[in-house]
Amino acid sequence: MIRFGLGAAIILGLSACAPQMPEAGSIVTAQQPPEVAATSGNSGVDAFHESIAVFDSHLDTPALFHTPDYLFTARGSFAEDGTHVDLPRMNEGGLDGGFWVIFTRQGPLDEASYAAARTHGLMRQTAIREFAAKYHEEVALAFSADDVPGILADGKKVVFQSMENSYPLGTDVSLLEHFYIGGLRMIAPVHFATNQFADSATDINQPYDGLSPLGEELVREANRLGLVLDGSHAADSVVRDMMALSTTPIILSHTGATAIYDHPRNIGDELLLELAENGGVIQMNIFGGYLEQLVPSPERQAALEALAEEYGSYIMRSSSSPPPLSLPPQFSRPFALVLVSRCPFGHAIATPAFGLSTAKHIIHTVGPIYSSDSASRPVLQAAFNSSLKEVKGRPEVCDGDDKELDVCG
């Protein structure tokens, strides 16, 4: 989640991202951080939480908007229906809104596939806008930082739009403006497999050693329009290229720390510090496969072994992670994804201790606010330390297997 005071709410993203197009951004003035009582209980933490806008920088929920069983106003359960976000849980967790994702799975790099991806992306954006219309008493679309205070004052949740994987743009970067007009305000070049724009962190095929020429064009167009650039899922070389080329700081909307768990989707401390020095922001991913070594369920292990027997041992290179998307030609990708996805890990969401350990490491490495404005840093640090004191004694947070973690010591 992104947690920030409204005065500085989206200064990184929406106000600073459109120097050539002032109407696309907002004028944001700095505000003094609220005082927080650094107590051993959670009263100070709760007060601080309620005093600021709390955003999730990556909400995959739009994938459910066209399914018949999803109801935003009804409380769901991950254990029962696989959902994470709805209005009751947003209220319970103090979540004020976030970036709702236009996600398109990576496919072949040919004209027919680009056309199909473009249609999918446009339909997903339409679904988000229809969602906002259907639940207009509960949520509202936001197009700039200026929209946020009014939406929150009306008691509604904020709906910004982001794109995970720029595959739907094909080779026509000018299409980005169409999505921008529809409300898109954050964009990530790549997802699980290398595409026309950039190398993926989880693809063994990395032909560009960073951004492709088309990817560089994408960065420039995003800067021109005023979109936040998201480096999650991108190879480290891509993140560095984005920081070097972009006229504004970038974000990693859902990425972890290699120091806690060495996974290609995470970044090391060196890049973490470079990101901070560049004025960027990182938000933690809570998917367990990126934060700790997960133990596959017997059903999943059996499915993986069956695939390996039929298609070769390549699929078994990482039985504790999702199957790689860059597979040998004979491998039936849709079959593999469907079969393995129906056989879950022991748990898909990270245990709280690992999530807190990742957050603690990032905060201790670069601070909750890494900038010349140091006034907020001790406030957020005190709030986080207070949270640790309140939760570390809970058995559901620090069980017997987690005692070696610093957060549970």
Protein backbone atom coordinates (compact mmCIF):
# COMPACT_ATOMS: atom_id res chain seq x y z
CA MET A 1 0.00 0.00 0.00
CA ILE A 2 1.00 3.61 -0.49
CA ARG A 3 0.52 5.67 2.64
CA PHE A 4 0.89 9.40 2.43
CA GLY A 5 -0.46 12.71 3.66
CA LEU A 6 -2.79 14.28 1.14
CA GLY A 7 -0.63 17.34 0.71
CA ALA A 8 2.18 15.19 -0.64
CA ALA A 9 -0.14 12.51 -1.86
CA ILE A 10 0.69 12.04 -5.50
CA ILE A 11 3.53 14.48 -5.88
CA LEU A 12 5.79 11.76 -7.28
CA GLY A 13 3.34 10.62 -9.86
CA LEU A 14 0.62 12.82 -11.18
CA SER A 15 1.72 16.35 -10.40
CA ALA A 16 5.32 15.99 -11.44
CA CYS A 17 4.85 13.79 -14.47
CA ALA A 18 3.59 16.29 -17.01
CA PRO A 19 5.98 19.23 -17.32
CA GLN A 20 5.01 19.79 -20.96
CA MET A 21 1.29 19.35 -20.28
CA PRO A 22 0.38 21.26 -17.11
CA GLU A 23 -3.30 20.44 -17.49
CA ALA A 24 -2.50 16.74 -17.03
CA GLY A 25 -1.01 17.23 -13.57
CA SER A 26 -1.72 19.01 -10.33
CA ILE A 27 -0.12 21.59 -8.11
CA VAL A 28 0.70 19.90 -4.83
CA THR A 29 2.06 21.74 -1.83
CA ALA A 30 4.00 20.13 0.98
CA GLN A 31 2.26 19.59 4.29
CA GLN A 32 3.54 19.01 7.79
CA PRO A 33 3.32 15.37 8.87
CA PRO A 34 0.79 14.59 11.58
CA GLU A 35 2.07 13.90 15.05
CA VAL A 36 2.04 10.28 16.04
CA ALA A 37 2.12 8.86 19.53
CA ALA A 38 4.92 6.29 19.56
CA THR A 39 3.27 3.95 22.03
CA SER A 40 3.64 0.25 22.55
CA GLY A 41 -0.01 -0.18 21.62
CA ASN A 42 -1.67 0.49 18.33
CA SER A 43 -3.64 3.66 19.18
CA GLY A 44 -0.95 5.95 17.75
CA VAL A 45 -0.60 3.77 14.66
CA ASP A 46 -4.35 3.76 14.08
CA ALA A 47 -4.49 7.54 14.51
CA PHE A 48 -1.67 8.00 12.03
CA HIS A 49 -3.28 5.58 9.60
CA GLU A 50 -6.58 7.47 9.74
CA SER A 51 -4.87 10.85 9.33
CA ILE A 52 -3.49 10.06 5.88
CA ALA A 53 -4.76 8.67 2.60
CA VAL A 54 -3.85 4.99 2.23
CA PHE A 55 -3.51 3.67 -1.31
CA ASP A 56 -2.70 0.27 -2.76
CA SER A 57 -0.45 0.85 -5.76
CA HIS A 58 -1.44 -2.39 -7.52
CA LEU A 59 -5.00 -3.73 -7.42
CA ASP A 60 -5.57 -6.73 -9.70
CA THR A 61 -9.29 -6.74 -8.85
CA PRO A 62 -10.48 -5.55 -12.32
CA ALA A 63 -9.86 -9.11 -13.55
CA LEU A 64 -12.98 -10.03 -11.58
CA PHE A 65 -15.25 -7.25 -12.82
CA HIS A 66 -16.85 -9.36 -15.57
CA THR A 67 -17.25 -12.49 -13.48
CA PRO A 68 -20.80 -13.21 -12.28
CA ASP A 69 -19.92 -13.99 -8.66
CA TYR A 70 -17.89 -10.89 -7.75
CA LEU A 71 -19.79 -8.23 -5.81
CA PHE A 72 -17.77 -5.23 -4.67
CA THR A 73 -20.13 -4.35 -1.83
CA ALA A 74 -20.12 -7.89 -0.35
CA ARG A 75 -17.31 -9.16 1.85
CA GLY A 76 -15.41 -11.98 0.21
CA SER A 77 -12.68 -14.27 1.47
CA PHE A 78 -9.43 -15.30 -0.17
CA ALA A 79 -9.79 -18.78 1.33
CA GLU A 80 -13.27 -19.20 -0.13
CA ASP A 81 -13.31 -17.27 -3.40
CA GLY A 82 -9.71 -16.19 -4.05
CA THR A 83 -10.52 -12.47 -3.81
CA HIS A 84 -8.52 -9.86 -1.95
CA VAL A 85 -10.40 -6.59 -2.32
CA ASP A 86 -13.96 -5.42 -1.81
CA LEU A 87 -15.63 -2.50 -0.06
CA PRO A 88 -16.07 -4.13 3.38
CA ARG A 89 -12.42 -5.21 3.52
CA MET A 90 -11.24 -1.82 2.26
CA ASN A 91 -13.18 -0.20 5.09
CA GLU A 92 -11.88 -2.67 7.65
CA GLY A 93 -8.28 -2.11 6.56
CA GLY A 94 -8.54 1.64 6.15
CA LEU A 95 -7.77 1.48 2.42
CA ASP A 96 -8.85 4.66 0.64
CA GLY A 97 -8.27 3.54 -2.94
CA GLY A 98 -5.46 2.83 -5.32
CA PHE A 99 -4.42 1.99 -8.86
CA TRP A 100 -6.79 -0.51 -10.46
CA VAL A 101 -4.93 -2.53 -13.05
CA ILE A 102 -5.41 -3.03 -16.78
CA PHE A 103 -3.52 -6.31 -17.03
CA THR A 104 -2.90 -8.28 -20.22
CA ARG A 105 -1.04 -11.58 -20.20
CA GLN A 106 1.97 -11.64 -22.52
CA GLY A 107 1.59 -13.47 -25.83
CA PRO A 108 3.36 -13.71 -29.20
CA LEU A 109 4.94 -10.63 -30.74
CA ASP A 110 3.03 -10.53 -34.02
CA GLU A 111 0.38 -8.24 -35.51
CA ALA A 112 -2.57 -10.55 -34.88
CA SER A 113 -1.60 -10.98 -31.24
CA TYR A 114 -1.03 -7.24 -30.83
CA ALA A 115 -4.56 -6.63 -32.13
CA ALA A 116 -6.03 -9.16 -29.70
CA ALA A 117 -4.07 -7.65 -26.81
CA ARG A 118 -5.21 -4.16 -27.76
CA THR A 119 -8.84 -5.27 -27.68
CA HIS A 120 -8.31 -6.96 -24.32
CA GLY A 121 -6.67 -3.85 -22.85
CA LEU A 122 -9.43 -1.55 -24.07
CA MET A 123 -12.08 -3.90 -22.69
CA ARG A 124 -10.34 -4.05 -19.31
CA GLN A 125 -10.22 -0.25 -19.14
CA THR A 126 -13.91 -0.17 -20.06
CA ALA A 127 -14.59 -2.64 -17.25
CA ILE A 128 -12.91 -0.32 -14.73
CA ARG A 129 -14.95 2.64 -15.93
CA GLU A 130 -18.14 0.55 -15.82
CA PHE A 131 -17.23 -0.53 -12.29
CA ALA A 132 -16.91 3.12 -11.24
CA ALA A 133 -20.30 3.89 -12.80
CA LYS A 134 -22.02 0.86 -11.27
CA TYR A 135 -20.73 1.67 -7.78
CA HIS A 136 -20.81 5.46 -8.16
CA GLU A 137 -22.01 5.91 -4.59
CA GLU A 138 -18.99 4.00 -3.25
CA VAL A 139 -16.12 4.88 -5.63
CA ALA A 140 -15.07 7.57 -8.08
CA LEU A 141 -12.60 7.77 -10.94
CA ALA A 142 -9.60 10.03 -10.33
CA PHE A 143 -7.62 11.69 -13.10
CA SER A 144 -5.22 13.84 -11.06
CA ALA A 145 -4.07 14.45 -7.51
CA ASP A 146 -6.52 17.33 -7.33
CA ASP A 147 -9.41 14.88 -7.55
CA VAL A 148 -8.42 12.94 -4.44
CA PRO A 149 -9.45 15.28 -1.57
CA GLY A 150 -12.95 15.74 -2.97
CA ILE A 151 -13.46 12.01 -3.52
CA LEU A 152 -12.37 11.22 0.03
CA ALA A 153 -14.46 14.06 1.43
CA ASP A 154 -17.48 12.45 -0.22
CA GLY A 155 -16.70 9.20 1.60
CA LYS A 156 -15.78 7.34 -1.59
CA LYS A 157 -12.86 5.17 -2.62
CA VAL A 158 -10.40 6.49 -5.19
CA VAL A 159 -10.05 4.71 -8.54
CA PHE A 160 -6.88 5.52 -10.43
CA GLN A 161 -5.98 3.31 -13.41
CA SER A 162 -2.68 1.64 -14.19
CA MET A 163 -1.50 -0.70 -16.95
CA GLU A 164 0.54 -3.77 -16.09
CA ASN A 165 2.30 -4.87 -19.28
CA SER A 166 2.26 -2.45 -22.22
CA TYR A 167 1.72 -5.33 -24.65
CA PRO A 168 -1.70 -3.95 -25.77
CA LEU A 169 0.04 -0.95 -27.35
CA GLY A 170 1.61 -3.20 -29.98
CA THR A 171 4.22 -1.19 -31.85
CA ASP A 172 2.16 2.03 -31.87
CA VAL A 173 3.15 4.06 -28.83
CA SER A 174 0.70 6.80 -29.85
CA LEU A 175 -2.09 4.48 -28.66
CA LEU A 176 -0.99 5.34 -25.12
CA GLU A 177 -2.75 8.69 -25.45
CA HIS A 178 -6.06 6.91 -26.06
CA PHE A 179 -5.68 5.02 -22.77
CA TYR A 180 -4.60 8.25 -21.09
CA ILE A 181 -7.78 10.01 -22.19
CA GLY A 182 -9.71 7.10 -20.68
CA GLY A 183 -8.02 7.70 -17.33
CA LEU A 184 -4.76 5.72 -17.40
CA ARG A 185 -2.19 7.33 -15.11
CA MET A 186 0.47 4.65 -14.48
CA ILE A 187 2.14 2.25 -16.91
CA ALA A 188 4.55 -0.68 -16.64
CA PRO A 189 6.40 -1.70 -19.83
CA VAL A 190 6.64 -5.44 -19.22
CA HIS A 191 5.29 -8.39 -17.24
CA PHE A 192 6.46 -12.00 -16.85
CA ALA A 193 7.95 -12.38 -20.32
CA THR A 194 10.13 -10.10 -22.42
CA ASN A 195 8.07 -8.14 -24.91
CA GLN A 196 8.47 -5.47 -27.56
CA PHE A 197 9.34 -2.81 -24.98
CA ALA A 198 11.68 -4.33 -22.41
CA ASP A 199 13.37 -7.34 -20.84
CA SER A 200 11.43 -9.07 -18.08
CA ALA A 201 12.98 -9.92 -14.73
CA THR A 202 11.56 -13.45 -14.99
CA ASP A 203 12.50 -14.25 -18.59
CA ILE A 204 15.78 -15.97 -19.46
CA ASN A 205 15.51 -14.28 -22.85
CA GLN A 206 16.76 -10.68 -22.43
CA PRO A 207 17.75 -9.44 -25.89
CA TYR A 208 17.75 -5.70 -25.18
CA ASP A 209 19.82 -5.55 -21.98
CA GLY A 210 17.25 -3.04 -20.78
CA LEU A 211 14.68 -1.08 -22.74
CA SER A 212 14.24 -1.69 -26.46
CA PRO A 213 14.21 1.35 -28.79
CA LEU A 214 10.42 1.11 -28.72
CA GLY A 215 10.56 0.99 -24.93
CA GLU A 216 12.57 4.19 -24.87
CA GLU A 217 9.90 5.77 -27.04
CA LEU A 218 7.29 4.56 -24.55
CA VAL A 219 9.09 6.24 -21.65
CA ARG A 220 9.27 9.53 -23.52
CA GLU A 221 5.57 9.39 -24.42
CA ALA A 222 4.61 8.56 -20.83
CA ASN A 223 6.61 11.57 -19.68
CA ARG A 224 4.92 13.79 -22.26
CA LEU A 225 1.43 12.73 -21.25
CA GLY A 226 2.04 12.70 -17.52
CA LEU A 227 1.92 9.02 -16.57
CA VAL A 228 3.78 7.42 -13.69
CA LEU A 229 6.30 4.85 -14.93
CA ASP A 230 6.24 1.52 -13.11
CA GLY A 231 9.31 -0.73 -13.14
CA SER A 232 7.84 -3.76 -11.37
CA HIS A 233 8.37 -7.01 -13.31
CA ALA A 234 11.14 -5.34 -15.33
CA ALA A 235 14.74 -6.55 -15.34
CA ASP A 236 17.15 -4.49 -13.25
CA SER A 237 18.69 -3.14 -16.44
CA VAL A 238 15.27 -1.87 -17.52
CA VAL A 239 14.71 -0.13 -14.20
CA ARG A 240 18.04 1.62 -14.57
CA ASP A 241 17.24 2.59 -18.17
CA MET A 242 13.89 3.99 -17.08
CA MET A 243 15.48 6.07 -14.34
CA ALA A 244 18.16 7.36 -16.71
CA LEU A 245 15.72 8.28 -19.47
CA SER A 246 12.64 9.46 -17.59
CA THR A 247 12.29 13.14 -16.73
CA THR A 248 10.38 12.18 -13.57
CA PRO A 249 10.99 9.57 -10.83
CA ILE A 250 9.62 6.07 -11.30
CA ILE A 251 7.75 3.69 -9.03
CA LEU A 252 8.02 -0.03 -8.33
CA SER A 253 4.37 -0.65 -7.56
CA HIS A 254 4.70 -4.20 -6.23
CA THR A 255 8.26 -5.41 -5.70
CA GLY A 256 10.17 -6.99 -2.82
CA ALA A 257 13.70 -7.01 -1.46
CA THR A 258 16.27 -9.59 -2.52
CA ALA A 259 17.85 -9.31 0.93
CA ILE A 260 14.77 -11.01 2.38
CA TYR A 261 14.13 -13.48 -0.43
CA ASP A 262 16.28 -13.90 -3.55
CA HIS A 263 13.72 -13.95 -6.35
CA PRO A 264 14.11 -12.36 -9.81
CA ARG A 265 11.03 -10.23 -9.13
CA ASN A 266 12.78 -8.53 -6.22
CA ILE A 267 15.60 -5.98 -6.24
CA GLY A 268 18.87 -5.77 -4.34
CA ASP A 269 19.92 -3.02 -1.97
CA GLU A 270 22.14 -1.35 -4.56
CA LEU A 271 19.24 -0.79 -6.94
CA LEU A 272 16.96 0.07 -4.03
CA LEU A 273 19.31 2.90 -3.07
CA GLU A 274 19.58 4.04 -6.70
CA LEU A 275 15.79 4.17 -6.86
CA ALA A 276 15.64 6.27 -3.71
CA GLU A 277 18.39 8.62 -4.88
CA ASN A 278 16.39 9.07 -8.09
CA GLY A 279 13.36 10.16 -6.07
CA GLY A 280 11.47 6.94 -6.75
CA VAL A 281 9.15 4.85 -4.63
CA ILE A 282 8.88 1.11 -3.95
CA GLN A 283 5.76 -0.63 -2.69
CA MET A 284 5.90 -4.13 -1.29
CA ASN A 285 4.37 -7.15 -3.00
CA ILE A 286 2.56 -9.49 -0.59
CA PHE A 287 2.41 -12.52 -2.88
CA GLY A 288 4.10 -15.25 -0.88
CA GLY A 289 6.10 -16.61 -3.81
CA TYR A 290 8.12 -13.37 -3.89
CA LEU A 291 8.67 -13.05 -0.13
CA GLU A 292 9.47 -16.55 1.11
CA GLN A 293 10.16 -20.08 -0.06
CA LEU A 294 6.74 -21.65 -0.44
CA VAL A 295 6.10 -25.35 -0.12
CA PRO A 296 3.93 -26.64 -2.99
CA SER A 297 0.86 -28.61 -2.04
CA PRO A 298 0.99 -32.33 -2.92
CA GLU A 299 -1.48 -31.68 -5.76
CA ARG A 300 0.74 -28.99 -7.27
CA GLN A 301 3.87 -31.09 -6.94
CA ALA A 302 2.15 -34.00 -8.66
CA ALA A 303 0.99 -31.72 -11.50
CA LEU A 304 4.51 -30.36 -11.97
CA GLU A 305 5.98 -33.85 -12.04
CA ALA A 306 3.41 -34.90 -14.64
CA LEU A 307 4.32 -31.93 -16.81
CA ALA A 308 8.03 -32.66 -16.44
CA GLU A 309 7.49 -36.26 -17.48
CA GLU A 310 5.66 -35.23 -20.63
CA TYR A 311 7.57 -32.08 -21.60
CA GLY A 312 10.96 -32.39 -19.94
CA SER A 313 12.60 -31.33 -16.71
CA TYR A 314 12.73 -27.64 -17.69
CA ILE A 315 9.41 -27.04 -15.96
CA MET A 316 10.82 -28.34 -12.67
CA ARG A 317 13.56 -25.73 -12.43
CA SER A 318 11.54 -23.86 -9.81
CA SER A 319 8.79 -25.90 -8.22
CA SER A 320 8.16 -23.20 -5.60
CA SER A 321 7.48 -20.44 -8.13
CA PRO A 322 4.89 -19.98 -10.87
CA PRO A 323 5.84 -21.74 -14.12
CA PRO A 324 8.15 -19.69 -16.37
CA LEU A 325 6.54 -18.17 -19.43
CA SER A 326 9.55 -18.56 -21.74
CA LEU A 327 9.25 -22.28 -22.39
CA PRO A 328 10.50 -24.68 -25.05
CA PRO A 329 8.42 -24.60 -28.27
CA GLN A 330 6.82 -27.98 -27.63
CA PHE A 331 5.43 -26.86 -24.30
CA SER A 332 1.69 -26.20 -24.20
CA ARG A 333 1.60 -22.93 -22.28
CA PRO A 334 -2.18 -22.61 -21.75
CA PHE A 335 -2.40 -26.20 -20.58
CA ALA A 336 0.47 -25.73 -18.15
CA LEU A 337 -0.85 -22.50 -16.69
CA VAL A 338 -4.36 -23.83 -16.20
CA LEU A 339 -3.25 -27.13 -14.73
CA VAL A 340 -0.71 -25.71 -12.30
CA SER A 341 -2.82 -22.71 -11.30
CA ARG A 342 -5.54 -25.06 -10.10
CA CYS A 343 -3.06 -26.77 -7.78
CA PRO A 344 -2.15 -24.15 -5.16
CA PHE A 345 0.86 -23.78 -2.92
CA GLY A 346 0.47 -24.44 0.76
CA HIS A 347 -0.36 -20.73 1.01
CA ALA A 348 -0.22 -18.07 -1.69
CA ILE A 349 -0.08 -14.99 0.52
CA ALA A 350 3.06 -14.40 2.54
CA THR A 351 2.90 -14.97 6.26
CA PRO A 352 2.72 -11.62 8.10
CA ALA A 353 6.21 -12.04 9.53
CA PHE A 354 7.82 -12.19 6.08
CA GLY A 355 5.78 -9.23 4.89
CA LEU A 356 6.84 -7.18 7.91
CA SER A 357 10.46 -8.26 7.48
CA THR A 358 10.46 -7.01 3.89
CA ALA A 359 8.85 -3.71 4.89
CA LYS A 360 11.29 -3.31 7.76
CA HIS A 361 14.30 -3.98 5.54
CA ILE A 362 13.20 -1.45 2.91
CA ILE A 363 12.42 1.20 5.53
CA HIS A 364 15.73 0.66 7.30
CA THR A 365 17.62 0.76 3.98
CA VAL A 366 16.12 3.86 2.40
CA GLY A 367 13.60 5.11 4.94
CA PRO A 368 9.85 5.52 4.51
CA ILE A 369 10.59 8.90 2.94
CA TYR A 370 13.99 9.23 1.29
CA SER A 371 14.27 12.91 0.39
CA SER A 372 15.51 16.28 1.53
CA ASP A 373 12.23 16.68 3.43
CA SER A 374 13.24 14.68 6.48
CA ALA A 375 10.42 15.86 8.76
CA SER A 376 8.14 12.95 7.91
CA ARG A 377 10.81 10.26 8.17
CA PRO A 378 10.98 9.95 11.98
CA VAL A 379 7.18 10.13 12.15
CA LEU A 380 6.73 7.19 9.80
CA GLN A 381 9.61 5.33 11.41
CA ALA A 382 8.00 5.74 14.83
CA ALA A 383 4.67 4.54 13.48
CA PHE A 384 6.25 1.48 11.91
CA ASN A 385 8.24 0.63 15.05
CA SER A 386 5.08 0.99 17.09
CA SER A 387 3.30 -1.38 14.72
CA LEU A 388 6.08 -3.94 15.16
CA LYS A 389 5.78 -3.81 18.93
CA GLU A 390 2.04 -4.34 18.69
CA VAL A 391 2.08 -7.30 16.30
CA LYS A 392 5.30 -9.21 16.94
CA GLY A 393 3.85 -11.05 19.91
CA ARG A 394 0.89 -12.40 17.99
CA PRO A 395 1.18 -16.12 17.24
CA GLU A 396 -0.34 -15.68 13.79
CA VAL A 397 2.47 -13.26 12.91
CA CYS A 398 5.50 -14.91 14.45
CA ASP A 399 4.98 -18.65 14.65
CA GLY A 400 7.61 -21.21 15.46
CA ASP A 401 9.01 -21.32 11.91
CA ASP A 402 9.54 -17.55 11.78
CA LYS A 403 11.56 -17.00 14.96
CA GLU A 404 14.78 -16.52 12.99
CA LEU A 405 13.34 -13.42 11.33
CA ASP A 406 14.53 -10.12 12.71
CA VAL A 407 11.00 -8.84 12.99
CA CYS A 408 10.12 -11.72 15.33
CA GLY A 409 13.22 -11.53 17.50
